[in-house]
């Protein structure tokens, strides 16, 4: 997930320079990467499968990565995290 922050920075920098519409390719890439975040979050517990009793670092890594990914998803597409029923 190193590409998404770079894309978001580029779009932000371009908008600060001039009020322009976001490039369609950039918007599609941001949307695609943001939609992958929930799948990545779902995979993290399987990657770091050790419990706190065995190794405190694994659950801590899952928590930190999940928090960072959620912040990134909210920044990229705030509507992605909302579920309307």
Protein backbone atom coordinates (compact mmCIF):
# COMPACT_ATOMS: atom_id res chain seq x y z
CA UNK A 1 0.00 0.00 0.00
CA UNK A 2 2.77 2.41 -0.85
CA UNK A 3 1.21 3.47 -4.14
CA UNK A 4 -2.02 4.87 -2.74
CA UNK A 5 -0.42 7.50 -0.48
CA UNK A 6 1.74 8.66 -3.40
CA UNK A 7 -1.31 9.02 -5.66
CA UNK A 8 -3.18 10.93 -2.99
CA UNK A 9 -0.19 13.26 -2.51
CA UNK A 10 0.02 13.89 -6.26
CA UNK A 11 -3.69 14.73 -6.49
CA UNK A 12 -3.46 17.02 -3.46
CA UNK A 13 -0.41 18.81 -4.88
CA UNK A 14 -2.08 19.26 -8.25
CA UNK A 15 -5.20 20.68 -6.64
CA UNK A 16 -3.15 23.11 -4.55
CA UNK A 17 -1.40 24.42 -7.66
CA UNK A 18 -4.58 24.89 -9.65
CA UNK A 19 -8.22 24.02 -9.13
CA UNK A 20 -8.44 21.26 -11.73
CA UNK A 21 -10.52 18.14 -12.10
CA UNK A 22 -8.89 14.94 -10.96
CA UNK A 23 -7.43 12.87 -13.77
CA UNK A 24 -9.65 9.89 -14.67
CA UNK A 25 -6.75 7.45 -14.55
CA UNK A 26 -5.70 8.71 -11.12
CA UNK A 27 -9.26 8.54 -9.82
CA UNK A 28 -9.65 4.97 -11.08
CA UNK A 29 -6.34 3.92 -9.54
CA UNK A 30 -7.22 5.51 -6.19
CA UNK A 31 -10.65 3.87 -6.20
CA UNK A 32 -9.21 0.47 -7.11
CA UNK A 33 -6.52 0.59 -4.44
CA UNK A 34 -8.94 1.85 -1.79
CA UNK A 35 -11.33 -1.01 -2.53
CA UNK A 36 -8.51 -3.52 -1.91
CA UNK A 37 -7.97 -2.30 1.65
CA UNK A 38 -10.78 -4.37 3.28
CA UNK A 39 -9.38 -7.54 1.69
CA UNK A 40 -5.90 -6.76 2.98
CA UNK A 41 -7.26 -6.09 6.46
CA UNK A 42 -9.01 -9.47 6.35
CA UNK A 43 -5.75 -11.21 5.47
CA UNK A 44 -3.66 -9.65 8.24
CA UNK A 45 -4.79 -11.97 11.08
CA UNK A 46 -3.88 -15.01 8.97
CA UNK A 47 -0.45 -13.58 8.19
CA UNK A 48 0.29 -12.69 11.83
CA UNK A 49 -1.33 -15.73 13.43
CA UNK A 50 0.48 -15.82 16.78
CA UNK A 51 -1.48 -14.78 19.85
CA UNK A 52 -0.43 -12.37 22.57
CA UNK A 53 0.58 -15.23 24.85
CA UNK A 54 3.19 -16.39 22.30
CA UNK A 55 4.42 -13.12 20.83
CA UNK A 56 3.07 -9.63 21.57
CA UNK A 57 4.52 -8.20 18.38
CA UNK A 58 2.18 -10.03 15.99
CA UNK A 59 -1.15 -8.73 17.36
CA UNK A 60 0.42 -5.30 17.78
CA UNK A 61 1.50 -5.33 14.13
CA UNK A 62 -2.02 -6.32 13.03
CA UNK A 63 -3.53 -3.51 15.08
CA UNK A 64 -1.11 -0.90 13.77
CA UNK A 65 -1.44 -1.99 10.14
CA UNK A 66 -5.23 -2.10 10.39
CA UNK A 67 -5.33 1.38 11.90
CA UNK A 68 -3.05 2.78 9.19
CA UNK A 69 -5.01 1.09 6.40
CA UNK A 70 -8.31 2.44 7.74
CA UNK A 71 -6.87 5.96 7.87
CA UNK A 72 -5.67 5.55 4.30
CA UNK A 73 -9.07 4.24 3.16
CA UNK A 74 -10.84 7.14 4.84
CA UNK A 75 -8.51 9.61 3.17
CA UNK A 76 -8.90 8.00 -0.27
CA UNK A 77 -12.64 7.32 -0.23
CA UNK A 78 -14.56 8.24 2.93
CA UNK A 79 -17.78 6.71 1.59
CA UNK A 80 -16.11 3.30 1.37
CA UNK A 81 -16.22 2.88 5.15
CA UNK A 82 -19.92 3.74 5.50
CA UNK A 83 -22.55 1.03 5.37
CA UNK A 84 -26.11 2.19 4.85
CA UNK A 85 -28.86 -0.31 5.60
